[in-house]
C-alpha cells in the first residue's frame, strides 16, 4: 500500500494514515515530555545562541545562529539555525530514543542533504552527537561535542570519520543572545 501511495504522488497523505490510526489507539505509550524527558539538554532548550567559527584557512569567520525551541508541547526540541545571515540553514527535530539512550534526530538543510543521528548527554553541561550524512557522496559519519563552560560560552567541536579515524574539522563558540534570529530562505514564488 505504501508503495502505491508513493507512486501516486500522495505519499504524505498515505503515510500519515497508519500513524493517525495508531494515535487513536489507547495502547500508545505516553512518553515523558518537557523538562522530564529533556533534562540533559535543558541548558540549551528555549534559548538562542550566536556563534562564530573558523572559516577555511585565511577565510572570513563564519557566523551561526542556533535557536533551540520546545516543540510539540514538550515532546521534542526543534533546533533551527542559519549561517552567515541565511547563506545556509538547517533544522533538526530531536526526540527521546525508544530505548531511552539519548535523543534521535533528523537534520534537513538548504544544502540539499540531510543527516540522521543520535545525541547523548555527556559530562556536566555537555553532549556528543553522532550522525550519518545522506546525499553527499563520500561523506559518512560526523561527530560533534558541545559543552557550556563555567563562563557561559557554549563550545562545539566537530569531527569527521576518515579512514577509521576521527579528524577535527572545526568548531564554534556561542553566547546566548535572545535578540538573535536565524535567517531562513523565503518560499519561492510559484512559476
Protein backbone atom coordinates (compact mmCIF):
# COMPACT_ATOMS: atom_id res chain seq x y z
CA UNK A 1 0.00 0.00 0.00
CA UNK A 2 2.76 2.47 0.86
CA UNK A 3 4.49 1.84 -2.46
CA UNK A 4 1.27 2.58 -4.37
CA UNK A 5 0.86 5.80 -2.40
CA UNK A 6 4.37 6.94 -3.25
CA UNK A 7 3.88 6.16 -6.92
CA UNK A 8 0.63 8.09 -6.93
CA UNK A 9 2.44 11.16 -5.51
CA UNK A 10 0.22 11.08 -2.45
CA UNK A 11 2.91 9.87 -0.09
CA UNK A 12 2.31 12.38 2.66
CA UNK A 13 -1.38 11.52 2.92
CA UNK A 14 -0.92 7.75 2.62
CA UNK A 15 1.98 7.56 5.04
CA UNK A 16 0.14 9.63 7.62
CA UNK A 17 -2.93 7.38 7.65
CA UNK A 18 -1.43 4.42 9.58
CA UNK A 19 0.17 6.84 12.05
CA UNK A 20 -3.12 8.68 12.55
CA UNK A 21 -4.86 5.37 13.24
CA UNK A 22 -2.16 4.46 15.77
CA UNK A 23 -2.63 7.78 17.56
CA UNK A 24 -6.29 6.88 18.14
CA UNK A 25 -5.37 3.59 19.82
CA UNK A 26 -5.48 3.79 23.63
CA UNK A 27 -2.44 1.44 23.95
CA UNK A 28 0.01 4.02 22.58
CA UNK A 29 2.51 4.57 25.40
CA UNK A 30 2.74 8.05 26.86
CA UNK A 31 6.32 9.29 26.92
CA UNK A 32 7.74 11.77 29.39
CA UNK A 33 7.69 15.26 27.94
CA UNK A 34 9.28 18.64 28.50
CA UNK A 35 11.80 19.07 31.23
CA UNK A 36 11.41 15.49 32.47
CA UNK A 37 12.33 13.95 29.11
CA UNK A 38 14.92 16.56 28.09
CA UNK A 39 16.64 17.33 31.40
CA UNK A 40 20.16 16.73 29.96
CA UNK A 41 19.50 19.32 27.22
CA UNK A 42 17.63 21.88 29.32
CA UNK A 43 20.64 24.23 29.40
CA UNK A 44 20.08 24.82 25.65
CA UNK A 45 16.30 24.47 25.31
CA UNK A 46 14.29 27.64 24.93
CA UNK A 47 17.39 29.71 24.14
CA UNK A 48 19.01 31.34 21.14
CA UNK A 49 22.77 31.21 20.64
CA UNK A 50 25.01 33.38 18.44
CA UNK A 51 28.32 31.80 17.46
CA UNK A 52 31.47 32.39 15.49
CA UNK A 53 33.56 29.67 13.89
CA UNK A 54 36.76 29.39 11.99
CA UNK A 55 36.40 29.57 8.22
CA UNK A 56 38.79 27.96 5.73
CA UNK A 57 42.45 28.88 6.14
CA UNK A 58 42.72 32.62 5.63
CA UNK A 59 38.95 32.94 5.20
CA UNK A 60 36.48 35.14 7.00
CA UNK A 61 34.86 33.95 10.22
CA UNK A 62 31.62 32.00 9.92
CA UNK A 63 28.64 33.26 11.94
CA UNK A 64 25.88 30.94 13.10
CA UNK A 65 22.65 31.49 14.99
CA UNK A 66 21.02 28.49 16.70
CA UNK A 67 17.55 28.66 18.17
CA UNK A 68 16.63 25.73 20.46
CA UNK A 69 12.83 25.64 20.80
CA UNK A 70 10.46 23.41 22.71
CA UNK A 71 8.26 21.71 20.12
CA UNK A 72 5.13 19.55 20.01
CA UNK A 73 4.13 20.52 23.53
CA UNK A 74 7.40 19.30 25.02
CA UNK A 75 7.60 16.01 23.09
CA UNK A 76 10.52 17.31 21.01
CA UNK A 77 13.14 20.02 20.72
CA UNK A 78 13.46 21.84 17.41
CA UNK A 79 16.76 23.47 16.52
CA UNK A 80 16.74 25.99 13.68
CA UNK A 81 19.99 27.61 12.61
CA UNK A 82 21.39 29.81 9.90
CA UNK A 83 24.93 30.55 8.81
CA UNK A 84 26.12 33.96 7.59
CA UNK A 85 22.68 35.61 7.52
CA UNK A 86 20.96 32.76 5.70
CA UNK A 87 23.62 31.70 3.19
CA UNK A 88 22.97 28.21 4.59
CA UNK A 89 20.33 26.99 7.04
CA UNK A 90 19.15 23.80 8.66
CA UNK A 91 16.63 22.38 11.07
CA UNK A 92 16.73 19.43 13.46
CA UNK A 93 13.97 17.80 15.46
CA UNK A 94 15.12 15.81 18.50
CA UNK A 95 13.01 13.33 20.43
CA UNK A 96 13.80 10.71 23.08
CA UNK A 97 15.18 7.44 21.69
CA UNK A 98 12.84 4.47 22.16
CA UNK A 99 15.46 2.65 24.23
CA UNK A 100 16.00 5.69 26.48
CA UNK A 101 19.61 6.10 25.33
CA UNK A 102 19.75 9.69 24.14
CA UNK A 103 17.75 11.59 21.55
CA UNK A 104 17.33 10.70 17.90
CA UNK A 105 17.10 13.39 15.27
CA UNK A 106 16.89 14.25 11.61
CA UNK A 107 18.66 17.35 10.31
CA UNK A 108 17.46 18.82 7.00
CA UNK A 109 19.37 21.56 5.19
CA UNK A 110 19.18 24.15 2.46
CA UNK A 111 22.32 22.46 1.10
CA UNK A 112 20.32 19.62 -0.45
CA UNK A 113 21.32 16.92 2.03
CA UNK A 114 20.15 15.61 5.39
CA UNK A 115 21.55 13.70 8.33
CA UNK A 116 20.20 11.25 10.88
CA UNK A 117 21.76 10.80 14.26
CA UNK A 118 21.66 10.48 18.00
CA UNK A 119 22.67 12.96 20.66
CA UNK A 120 23.68 11.72 24.10
CA UNK A 121 24.32 13.66 27.27
CA UNK A 122 27.96 13.96 28.26
CA UNK A 123 29.55 15.02 31.48
CA UNK A 124 28.39 18.27 33.07
CA UNK A 125 26.60 20.53 30.63
CA UNK A 126 27.72 18.65 27.55
CA UNK A 127 26.61 16.31 24.80
CA UNK A 128 28.01 14.18 21.99
CA UNK A 129 26.11 13.95 18.69
CA UNK A 130 26.90 11.32 16.06
CA UNK A 131 25.23 11.45 12.69
CA UNK A 132 25.28 9.93 9.23
CA UNK A 133 25.18 12.24 6.21
CA UNK A 134 22.80 11.36 3.37
CA UNK A 135 23.08 12.98 -0.05
CA UNK A 136 26.76 13.99 -0.09
CA UNK A 137 28.88 11.37 -1.87
CA UNK A 138 31.97 10.39 0.08
CA UNK A 139 30.84 11.90 3.38
CA UNK A 140 29.84 9.44 6.05
CA UNK A 141 29.80 9.99 9.78
CA UNK A 142 30.16 13.21 11.73
CA UNK A 143 30.60 13.78 15.45
CA UNK A 144 30.04 16.98 17.41
CA UNK A 145 30.79 17.63 21.05
CA UNK A 146 29.03 20.53 22.70
CA UNK A 147 29.52 21.92 26.17
CA UNK A 148 28.58 25.03 28.11
CA UNK A 149 31.58 26.19 30.11
CA UNK A 150 31.67 27.87 33.51
CA UNK A 151 31.95 31.16 31.59
CA UNK A 152 28.56 30.51 29.92
CA UNK A 153 30.13 30.00 26.48
CA UNK A 154 28.66 27.10 24.51
CA UNK A 155 31.51 25.47 22.58
CA UNK A 156 31.03 22.96 19.77
CA UNK A 157 33.86 20.98 18.17
CA UNK A 158 33.19 18.78 15.15
CA UNK A 159 34.98 15.79 13.65
CA UNK A 160 34.59 13.68 10.53
CA UNK A 161 35.36 9.98 10.28
CA UNK A 162 38.08 9.42 7.71
CA UNK A 163 39.84 6.09 7.17
CA UNK A 164 38.59 4.83 10.54
CA UNK A 165 39.92 7.85 12.45
CA UNK A 166 38.12 10.94 13.76
CA UNK A 167 39.62 14.12 12.29
CA UNK A 168 38.68 17.50 13.80
CA UNK A 169 37.03 19.77 11.24
CA UNK A 170 36.42 22.94 13.24
CA UNK A 171 34.09 24.42 15.75
CA UNK A 172 32.03 27.31 17.02
CA UNK A 173 31.91 29.32 20.23
CA UNK A 174 28.40 30.59 21.08
CA UNK A 175 26.98 33.05 23.57
CA UNK A 176 23.33 33.29 24.50
CA UNK A 177 21.61 36.09 22.56
CA UNK A 178 17.84 36.41 22.99
CA UNK A 179 17.73 39.09 20.27
CA UNK A 180 19.25 36.90 17.54
CA UNK A 181 17.01 35.26 14.93
CA UNK A 182 18.02 32.64 12.34
CA UNK A 183 17.59 33.90 8.78
CA UNK A 184 15.72 31.31 6.73
CA UNK A 185 15.14 31.44 2.98
CA UNK A 186 11.71 32.56 1.83
CA UNK A 187 9.42 30.21 -0.03
CA UNK A 188 9.96 30.83 -3.76
CA UNK A 189 7.02 32.23 -5.69
CA UNK A 190 5.07 29.84 -7.89
CA UNK A 191 6.23 29.84 -11.51
